[in-house]
Amino acid sequence: MMNGFGDVAEIERLRADLAASAGVRVSYHHADLSRAAEVAALVAATEAEFGGVDIRVNNAGLQHVAPVEDFPPEKWDQLRAVILDASFHTTRAALPAFRSTVVGRPADQRR
């Protein structure tokens, strides 16, 4: 399951290219990772589409550069939410599914 912001056509091209080159099914979900409810929806959609969660890659990020005195508090909140809070919320939402699909199985039976 891919997630991110950007041009819809470019995202679709990337999704299709990844699916073709890796020979796997790839979907996209538009969740805003700064919002816990959307993170939960992303994980639920992933579970519904793929039957579970095996791997979670935390690579979301934003950037805003300014001296502290000029740094808008709303930008700070957005950066913190995407870079820090999203990692917590995705881990928390994905952990039950991850445990049920991977943890506890013998290594040769893990997906």
Protein backbone atom coordinates (compact mmCIF):
# COMPACT_ATOMS: atom_id res chain seq x y z
CA MET A 1 0.00 0.00 0.00
CA MET A 2 1.47 3.31 -1.06
CA ASN A 3 0.66 6.58 0.65
CA GLY A 4 1.66 10.16 0.01
CA PHE A 5 0.82 13.52 -1.43
CA GLY A 6 1.41 14.62 -4.98
CA ASP A 7 0.11 14.77 -8.48
CA VAL A 8 -2.56 12.10 -8.95
CA ALA A 9 -1.28 11.09 -12.40
CA GLU A 10 2.31 10.81 -11.15
CA ILE A 11 1.24 8.72 -8.16
CA GLU A 12 -0.68 6.39 -10.47
CA ARG A 13 2.34 6.09 -12.78
CA LEU A 14 4.58 5.23 -9.82
CA ARG A 15 2.04 2.72 -8.50
CA ALA A 16 1.72 1.01 -11.87
CA ASP A 17 5.49 0.99 -12.46
CA LEU A 18 6.15 -0.56 -9.06
CA ALA A 19 3.49 -3.20 -9.57
CA ALA A 20 4.86 -4.09 -13.01
CA SER A 21 8.53 -4.09 -12.10
CA ALA A 22 8.12 -6.06 -8.88
CA GLY A 23 5.31 -8.29 -10.12
CA VAL A 24 3.13 -7.51 -7.13
CA ARG A 25 -0.21 -5.90 -6.42
CA VAL A 26 0.20 -2.26 -5.36
CA SER A 27 -2.55 0.06 -4.16
CA TYR A 28 -2.59 3.67 -3.06
CA HIS A 29 -4.32 5.33 -0.10
CA HIS A 30 -4.47 9.10 0.30
CA ALA A 31 -4.43 9.30 4.14
CA ASP A 32 -3.06 12.47 5.70
CA LEU A 33 -0.59 10.99 8.18
CA SER A 34 -0.89 14.01 10.44
CA ARG A 35 -4.42 12.82 11.32
CA ALA A 36 -4.75 9.74 13.53
CA ALA A 37 -8.18 8.79 12.14
CA GLU A 38 -6.83 8.81 8.58
CA VAL A 39 -3.88 6.67 9.65
CA ALA A 40 -6.34 4.15 11.11
CA ALA A 41 -8.28 4.21 7.83
CA LEU A 42 -5.07 3.59 5.88
CA VAL A 43 -4.22 0.56 8.01
CA ALA A 44 -7.78 -0.76 7.78
CA ALA A 45 -7.75 -0.37 3.98
CA THR A 46 -4.42 -2.19 3.83
CA GLU A 47 -5.76 -5.05 5.94
CA ALA A 48 -8.89 -5.28 3.80
CA GLU A 49 -7.00 -5.22 0.52
CA PHE A 50 -4.00 -7.38 1.41
CA GLY A 51 -5.24 -9.47 4.31
CA GLY A 52 -2.87 -8.07 6.90
CA VAL A 53 0.22 -6.02 7.52
CA ASP A 54 3.63 -7.64 7.18
CA ILE A 55 5.93 -4.63 6.88
CA ARG A 56 5.59 -0.96 7.73
CA VAL A 57 8.08 1.52 6.31
CA ASN A 58 8.06 4.84 8.10
CA ASN A 59 9.44 7.32 5.59
CA ALA A 60 7.00 10.22 5.69
CA GLY A 61 8.53 13.65 5.91
CA LEU A 62 8.10 17.33 5.31
CA GLN A 63 10.49 20.22 5.49
CA HIS A 64 10.23 23.86 6.45
CA VAL A 65 13.32 25.90 7.23
CA ALA A 66 13.30 29.19 9.13
CA PRO A 67 14.93 30.75 12.17
CA VAL A 68 13.04 29.82 15.34
CA GLU A 69 11.67 33.31 15.78
CA ASP A 70 10.22 33.20 12.24
CA PHE A 71 9.08 29.58 12.31
CA PRO A 72 5.26 29.48 12.15
CA PRO A 73 3.83 27.39 15.01
CA GLU A 74 1.34 25.74 12.62
CA LYS A 75 4.28 24.52 10.47
CA TRP A 76 5.93 23.12 13.61
CA ASP A 77 2.72 21.29 14.50
CA GLN A 78 2.43 19.90 10.96
CA LEU A 79 6.06 18.75 10.87
CA ARG A 80 5.79 17.12 14.29
CA ALA A 81 2.53 15.42 13.34
CA VAL A 82 3.91 13.90 10.13
CA ILE A 83 7.41 13.07 11.31
CA LEU A 84 6.76 11.97 14.89
CA ASP A 85 3.06 11.42 15.58
CA ALA A 86 2.46 9.49 12.34
CA SER A 87 5.07 6.92 13.31
CA PHE A 88 3.29 6.34 16.62
CA HIS A 89 -0.18 6.20 15.05
CA THR A 90 0.82 3.85 12.22
CA THR A 91 2.66 1.53 14.59
CA ARG A 92 -0.25 1.52 17.02
CA ALA A 93 -2.81 0.86 14.27
CA ALA A 94 -0.76 -1.77 12.43
CA LEU A 95 0.58 -3.72 15.40
CA PRO A 96 -2.42 -6.03 15.96
CA ALA A 97 -2.51 -7.02 12.29
CA PHE A 98 1.25 -7.34 12.16
CA ARG A 99 1.26 -9.63 15.16
CA SER A 100 -1.49 -11.81 13.72
CA THR A 101 0.22 -12.25 10.35
CA VAL A 102 3.88 -12.49 11.28
CA VAL A 103 4.84 -12.76 14.93
CA GLY A 104 4.57 -16.23 16.38
CA ARG A 105 4.84 -18.10 13.09
CA PRO A 106 7.90 -20.16 12.31
CA ALA A 107 10.27 -18.24 10.06
CA ASP A 108 9.62 -20.51 7.08
CA GLN A 109 5.86 -19.86 7.32
CA ARG A 110 5.99 -16.06 7.50
CA ARG A 111 4.74 -14.15 4.48
